[in-house]
Amino acid sequence: MGKKALVADDAIFMRLMFKDMLKEVGFEVVGRAKNGIEVVELYKKFKPNLVILDIVMPGVDGLTALKRILKIDPEANILVCSAMDSESIIIEAIKNGAKDFLIKPVHPDKFKKAINKIF
C-alpha cells in the first residue's frame, strides 16, 4: 500500500499543485482541506503518512491544527508550507512539532528534499 497524504490550504490552486507534487514523490492524496477544522477531521478519518499544512487559513489556522493533529497522533509527519516567512512563525511551527517548513512559492526540488528528509 502506498503512502497517503492530506493537503490543507485555503487556496484551491495550492491544493491542486501540492497534489501533483505529492504524486510525483509517490503519495496518494486521500483528502484536501481548506481550513484547520477540516484537516483535523480528515486526519482522524484517514491517518495519513504526511500532512501538508498552510498557516493562514480561515477559522482554525495551521498552527492550531498542527497542535491538534499532534495531540491525536504525536508521531504525525507534518510539513508546513506557507507564504508566512517570519522567523518567529517558522520557529513556532518547528517547536510545535512540524517536521519541516517550506516558504511559498515552493520549488519542486525543495519539496522533494523536504519529503526525503521526513521519510
N, C-alpha and C. Protein backbone atom coordinates (compact mmCIF):
# COMPACT_ATOMS: atom_id res chain seq x y z
N MET A 1 0.85 -1.19 0.00
CA MET A 1 0.00 0.00 0.00
C MET A 1 0.89 1.24 0.00
N GLY A 2 0.57 2.22 -0.85
CA GLY A 2 1.35 3.43 -0.96
C GLY A 2 1.16 4.37 0.21
N LYS A 3 1.95 5.42 0.20
CA LYS A 3 1.86 6.42 1.26
C LYS A 3 0.70 7.37 0.98
N LYS A 4 0.02 7.74 2.06
CA LYS A 4 -1.15 8.62 1.95
C LYS A 4 -0.81 10.00 2.51
N ALA A 5 -1.42 11.02 1.91
CA ALA A 5 -1.19 12.40 2.35
C ALA A 5 -2.49 13.19 2.37
N LEU A 6 -2.49 14.20 3.24
CA LEU A 6 -3.55 15.21 3.28
C LEU A 6 -2.92 16.54 2.90
N VAL A 7 -3.70 17.38 2.24
CA VAL A 7 -3.25 18.72 1.89
C VAL A 7 -4.25 19.72 2.47
N ALA A 8 -3.75 20.67 3.25
CA ALA A 8 -4.61 21.71 3.82
C ALA A 8 -4.10 23.08 3.40
N ASP A 9 -4.90 23.75 2.59
CA ASP A 9 -4.58 25.10 2.12
C ASP A 9 -5.89 25.75 1.71
N ASP A 10 -6.07 27.02 2.03
CA ASP A 10 -7.33 27.68 1.67
C ASP A 10 -7.43 28.01 0.19
N ALA A 11 -6.33 27.94 -0.54
CA ALA A 11 -6.34 28.23 -1.98
C ALA A 11 -6.42 26.93 -2.77
N ILE A 12 -7.46 26.80 -3.59
CA ILE A 12 -7.65 25.55 -4.35
C ILE A 12 -6.46 25.27 -5.27
N PHE A 13 -5.90 26.30 -5.89
CA PHE A 13 -4.78 26.07 -6.80
C PHE A 13 -3.57 25.51 -6.06
N MET A 14 -3.39 25.90 -4.80
CA MET A 14 -2.28 25.34 -4.00
C MET A 14 -2.57 23.88 -3.65
N ARG A 15 -3.81 23.57 -3.33
CA ARG A 15 -4.16 22.17 -3.03
C ARG A 15 -3.89 21.29 -4.25
N LEU A 16 -4.24 21.78 -5.43
CA LEU A 16 -4.01 21.02 -6.65
C LEU A 16 -2.52 20.90 -6.96
N MET A 17 -1.77 21.98 -6.75
CA MET A 17 -0.33 21.94 -7.00
C MET A 17 0.35 20.92 -6.08
N PHE A 18 -0.01 20.97 -4.78
CA PHE A 18 0.59 20.02 -3.85
C PHE A 18 0.18 18.58 -4.17
N LYS A 19 -1.05 18.41 -4.64
CA LYS A 19 -1.49 17.06 -5.04
C LYS A 19 -0.58 16.52 -6.14
N ASP A 20 -0.30 17.34 -7.14
CA ASP A 20 0.59 16.92 -8.24
C ASP A 20 2.01 16.65 -7.74
N MET A 21 2.52 17.51 -6.88
CA MET A 21 3.88 17.33 -6.36
C MET A 21 3.98 16.07 -5.50
N LEU A 22 2.94 15.80 -4.74
CA LEU A 22 2.93 14.59 -3.90
C LEU A 22 2.87 13.33 -4.76
N LYS A 23 2.09 13.38 -5.82
CA LYS A 23 2.00 12.24 -6.73
C LYS A 23 3.38 11.93 -7.32
N GLU A 24 4.13 12.97 -7.63
CA GLU A 24 5.48 12.81 -8.20
C GLU A 24 6.43 12.07 -7.25
N VAL A 25 6.20 12.19 -5.95
CA VAL A 25 7.08 11.53 -4.97
C VAL A 25 6.42 10.30 -4.35
N GLY A 26 5.37 9.79 -5.01
CA GLY A 26 4.80 8.51 -4.61
C GLY A 26 3.69 8.52 -3.58
N PHE A 27 3.07 9.67 -3.36
CA PHE A 27 1.97 9.75 -2.39
C PHE A 27 0.62 9.80 -3.09
N GLU A 28 -0.37 9.22 -2.45
CA GLU A 28 -1.75 9.36 -2.87
C GLU A 28 -2.39 10.39 -1.94
N VAL A 29 -2.99 11.42 -2.51
CA VAL A 29 -3.68 12.42 -1.69
C VAL A 29 -5.08 11.89 -1.39
N VAL A 30 -5.32 11.58 -0.11
CA VAL A 30 -6.59 10.99 0.29
C VAL A 30 -7.60 12.04 0.77
N GLY A 31 -7.13 13.28 0.96
CA GLY A 31 -8.04 14.33 1.39
C GLY A 31 -7.44 15.70 1.19
N ARG A 32 -8.32 16.67 0.91
CA ARG A 32 -7.90 18.07 0.77
C ARG A 32 -8.81 18.92 1.63
N ALA A 33 -8.19 19.81 2.41
CA ALA A 33 -8.94 20.65 3.34
C ALA A 33 -8.67 22.12 3.04
N LYS A 34 -9.68 22.96 3.31
CA LYS A 34 -9.50 24.40 3.10
C LYS A 34 -9.32 25.16 4.40
N ASN A 35 -9.37 24.43 5.54
CA ASN A 35 -9.15 25.09 6.84
C ASN A 35 -8.69 24.07 7.87
N GLY A 36 -8.33 24.57 9.04
CA GLY A 36 -7.80 23.72 10.09
C GLY A 36 -8.79 22.72 10.65
N ILE A 37 -10.06 23.09 10.69
CA ILE A 37 -11.08 22.17 11.21
C ILE A 37 -11.17 20.94 10.30
N GLU A 38 -11.24 21.19 8.99
CA GLU A 38 -11.35 20.08 8.03
C GLU A 38 -10.15 19.16 8.08
N VAL A 39 -8.94 19.72 8.17
CA VAL A 39 -7.75 18.86 8.14
C VAL A 39 -7.67 17.97 9.38
N VAL A 40 -8.08 18.47 10.53
CA VAL A 40 -8.07 17.65 11.74
C VAL A 40 -9.07 16.50 11.59
N GLU A 41 -10.26 16.79 11.07
CA GLU A 41 -11.26 15.73 10.87
C GLU A 41 -10.78 14.70 9.85
N LEU A 42 -10.17 15.18 8.76
CA LEU A 42 -9.65 14.26 7.75
C LEU A 42 -8.49 13.43 8.31
N TYR A 43 -7.69 14.03 9.18
CA TYR A 43 -6.59 13.27 9.79
C TYR A 43 -7.15 12.10 10.61
N LYS A 44 -8.17 12.39 11.40
CA LYS A 44 -8.79 11.33 12.21
C LYS A 44 -9.32 10.20 11.32
N LYS A 45 -9.90 10.58 10.19
CA LYS A 45 -10.52 9.60 9.29
C LYS A 45 -9.48 8.75 8.55
N PHE A 46 -8.43 9.39 8.01
CA PHE A 46 -7.50 8.69 7.12
C PHE A 46 -6.17 8.28 7.74
N LYS A 47 -5.77 8.90 8.84
CA LYS A 47 -4.46 8.61 9.46
C LYS A 47 -3.35 8.55 8.40
N PRO A 48 -3.14 9.65 7.67
CA PRO A 48 -2.17 9.64 6.57
C PRO A 48 -0.72 9.60 7.07
N ASN A 49 0.18 9.31 6.13
CA ASN A 49 1.61 9.30 6.44
C ASN A 49 2.18 10.71 6.49
N LEU A 50 1.50 11.67 5.84
CA LEU A 50 2.01 13.03 5.73
C LEU A 50 0.85 14.02 5.64
N VAL A 51 1.07 15.20 6.24
CA VAL A 51 0.13 16.31 6.10
C VAL A 51 0.90 17.52 5.60
N ILE A 52 0.42 18.13 4.51
CA ILE A 52 0.94 19.40 4.02
C ILE A 52 0.00 20.46 4.58
N LEU A 53 0.55 21.42 5.31
CA LEU A 53 -0.28 22.33 6.09
C LEU A 53 0.11 23.79 5.87
N ASP A 54 -0.85 24.59 5.44
CA ASP A 54 -0.67 26.04 5.33
C ASP A 54 -0.87 26.65 6.72
N ILE A 55 -0.35 27.84 6.94
CA ILE A 55 -0.53 28.52 8.23
C ILE A 55 -1.80 29.36 8.23
N VAL A 56 -1.93 30.22 7.22
CA VAL A 56 -3.05 31.17 7.20
C VAL A 56 -4.24 30.54 6.47
N MET A 57 -5.24 30.16 7.27
CA MET A 57 -6.48 29.59 6.73
C MET A 57 -7.63 30.15 7.56
N PRO A 58 -8.83 30.23 6.98
CA PRO A 58 -9.97 30.76 7.75
C PRO A 58 -10.38 29.83 8.89
N GLY A 59 -10.96 30.42 9.91
CA GLY A 59 -11.41 29.62 11.06
C GLY A 59 -10.23 29.20 11.91
N VAL A 60 -9.91 27.93 11.87
CA VAL A 60 -8.77 27.40 12.63
C VAL A 60 -7.53 27.46 11.74
N ASP A 61 -6.49 28.16 12.22
CA ASP A 61 -5.27 28.31 11.42
C ASP A 61 -4.40 27.06 11.47
N GLY A 62 -3.33 27.08 10.67
CA GLY A 62 -2.46 25.93 10.56
C GLY A 62 -1.71 25.58 11.83
N LEU A 63 -1.26 26.58 12.59
CA LEU A 63 -0.53 26.28 13.83
C LEU A 63 -1.43 25.60 14.85
N THR A 64 -2.68 26.04 14.93
CA THR A 64 -3.64 25.40 15.84
C THR A 64 -3.93 23.98 15.37
N ALA A 65 -4.13 23.80 14.06
CA ALA A 65 -4.38 22.47 13.50
C ALA A 65 -3.19 21.55 13.75
N LEU A 66 -1.98 22.07 13.61
CA LEU A 66 -0.75 21.31 13.87
C LEU A 66 -0.78 20.74 15.29
N LYS A 67 -1.08 21.60 16.25
CA LYS A 67 -1.13 21.16 17.65
C LYS A 67 -2.22 20.11 17.87
N ARG A 68 -3.37 20.32 17.24
CA ARG A 68 -4.49 19.37 17.41
C ARG A 68 -4.17 18.01 16.81
N ILE A 69 -3.55 18.01 15.63
CA ILE A 69 -3.19 16.74 15.00
C ILE A 69 -2.16 16.00 15.85
N LEU A 70 -1.17 16.73 16.35
CA LEU A 70 -0.13 16.08 17.16
C LEU A 70 -0.66 15.59 18.50
N LYS A 71 -1.75 16.18 18.97
CA LYS A 71 -2.39 15.68 20.18
C LYS A 71 -3.05 14.33 19.90
N ILE A 72 -3.61 14.18 18.70
CA ILE A 72 -4.23 12.93 18.27
C ILE A 72 -3.15 11.88 18.00
N ASP A 73 -2.07 12.31 17.33
CA ASP A 73 -1.00 11.39 16.92
C ASP A 73 0.34 12.10 17.04
N PRO A 74 1.05 11.91 18.16
CA PRO A 74 2.34 12.57 18.36
C PRO A 74 3.40 12.23 17.31
N GLU A 75 3.17 11.16 16.54
CA GLU A 75 4.13 10.75 15.51
C GLU A 75 3.78 11.30 14.12
N ALA A 76 2.75 12.14 14.02
CA ALA A 76 2.31 12.66 12.72
C ALA A 76 3.44 13.40 12.01
N ASN A 77 3.53 13.19 10.70
CA ASN A 77 4.51 13.89 9.87
C ASN A 77 3.82 15.07 9.21
N ILE A 78 4.18 16.26 9.67
CA ILE A 78 3.54 17.47 9.16
C ILE A 78 4.59 18.39 8.55
N LEU A 79 4.38 18.73 7.28
CA LEU A 79 5.24 19.65 6.56
C LEU A 79 4.44 20.94 6.37
N VAL A 80 4.91 22.02 6.98
CA VAL A 80 4.23 23.31 6.86
C VAL A 80 4.77 24.02 5.62
N CYS A 81 3.85 24.47 4.77
CA CYS A 81 4.20 25.22 3.56
C CYS A 81 3.38 26.50 3.59
N SER A 82 4.05 27.63 3.75
CA SER A 82 3.32 28.88 3.92
C SER A 82 4.08 30.05 3.32
N ALA A 83 3.34 31.08 2.94
CA ALA A 83 3.96 32.33 2.49
C ALA A 83 4.44 33.15 3.68
N MET A 84 4.02 32.77 4.88
CA MET A 84 4.46 33.45 6.11
C MET A 84 5.91 33.08 6.35
N ASP A 85 6.81 34.01 6.05
CA ASP A 85 8.23 33.68 6.17
C ASP A 85 8.90 34.34 7.36
N SER A 86 8.12 34.76 8.33
CA SER A 86 8.69 35.36 9.52
C SER A 86 9.41 34.29 10.33
N GLU A 87 10.59 34.62 10.79
CA GLU A 87 11.40 33.65 11.54
C GLU A 87 10.65 33.13 12.76
N SER A 88 9.89 34.00 13.42
CA SER A 88 9.17 33.56 14.63
C SER A 88 8.08 32.53 14.29
N ILE A 89 7.43 32.66 13.15
CA ILE A 89 6.40 31.69 12.72
C ILE A 89 7.07 30.35 12.40
N ILE A 90 8.19 30.40 11.69
CA ILE A 90 8.90 29.17 11.34
C ILE A 90 9.35 28.45 12.60
N ILE A 91 9.94 29.19 13.54
CA ILE A 91 10.40 28.60 14.80
C ILE A 91 9.22 28.01 15.57
N GLU A 92 8.11 28.74 15.62
CA GLU A 92 6.94 28.25 16.35
C GLU A 92 6.42 26.95 15.74
N ALA A 93 6.37 26.88 14.41
CA ALA A 93 5.88 25.66 13.74
C ALA A 93 6.78 24.47 14.06
N ILE A 94 8.09 24.66 13.96
CA ILE A 94 9.04 23.57 14.23
C ILE A 94 8.99 23.19 15.71
N LYS A 95 8.96 24.20 16.58
CA LYS A 95 8.91 23.95 18.03
C LYS A 95 7.66 23.15 18.41
N ASN A 96 6.57 23.39 17.68
CA ASN A 96 5.31 22.70 17.98
C ASN A 96 5.17 21.36 17.26
N GLY A 97 6.21 20.93 16.55
CA GLY A 97 6.19 19.57 16.01
C GLY A 97 6.19 19.40 14.51
N ALA A 98 6.20 20.50 13.73
CA ALA A 98 6.30 20.35 12.28
C ALA A 98 7.66 19.73 11.95
N LYS A 99 7.69 18.82 10.99
CA LYS A 99 8.94 18.17 10.60
C LYS A 99 9.82 19.10 9.77
N ASP A 100 9.18 20.02 9.04
CA ASP A 100 9.93 20.98 8.23
C ASP A 100 9.00 22.12 7.86
N PHE A 101 9.57 23.19 7.30
CA PHE A 101 8.81 24.38 6.92
C PHE A 101 9.34 24.85 5.58
N LEU A 102 8.47 24.95 4.60
CA LEU A 102 8.84 25.48 3.29
C LEU A 102 8.08 26.78 3.05
N ILE A 103 8.80 27.74 2.47
CA ILE A 103 8.19 29.04 2.18
C ILE A 103 7.68 29.03 0.74
N LYS A 104 6.41 29.45 0.58
CA LYS A 104 5.82 29.54 -0.76
C LYS A 104 6.40 30.75 -1.49
N PRO A 105 6.53 30.69 -2.80
CA PRO A 105 6.21 29.55 -3.64
C PRO A 105 7.23 28.42 -3.46
N VAL A 106 6.74 27.19 -3.44
CA VAL A 106 7.57 26.03 -3.17
C VAL A 106 8.09 25.46 -4.49
N HIS A 107 9.41 25.39 -4.60
CA HIS A 107 10.04 24.79 -5.79
C HIS A 107 9.98 23.27 -5.65
N PRO A 108 9.65 22.55 -6.72
CA PRO A 108 9.55 21.09 -6.63
C PRO A 108 10.80 20.40 -6.06
N ASP A 109 11.99 20.91 -6.37
CA ASP A 109 13.21 20.29 -5.84
C ASP A 109 13.30 20.44 -4.32
N LYS A 110 12.95 21.62 -3.81
CA LYS A 110 12.95 21.83 -2.36
C LYS A 110 11.89 20.96 -1.70
N PHE A 111 10.75 20.80 -2.37
CA PHE A 111 9.68 19.96 -1.85
C PHE A 111 10.17 18.52 -1.73
N LYS A 112 10.80 18.01 -2.78
CA LYS A 112 11.32 16.64 -2.77
C LYS A 112 12.35 16.45 -1.67
N LYS A 113 13.23 17.44 -1.49
CA LYS A 113 14.25 17.35 -0.42
C LYS A 113 13.59 17.28 0.95
N ALA A 114 12.56 18.09 1.15
CA ALA A 114 11.86 18.09 2.44
C ALA A 114 11.18 16.74 2.69
N ILE A 115 10.57 16.17 1.65
CA ILE A 115 9.92 14.86 1.78
C ILE A 115 10.96 13.80 2.11
N ASN A 116 12.09 13.83 1.41
CA ASN A 116 13.16 12.86 1.67
C ASN A 116 13.72 13.00 3.08
N LYS A 117 13.77 14.22 3.58
CA LYS A 117 14.25 14.46 4.94
C LYS A 117 13.29 13.83 5.97
N ILE A 118 11.99 13.94 5.71
CA ILE A 118 10.99 13.40 6.63
C ILE A 118 10.94 11.88 6.57
N PHE A 119 11.08 11.33 5.37
CA PHE A 119 10.98 9.88 5.19
C PHE A 119 12.32 9.27 4.86
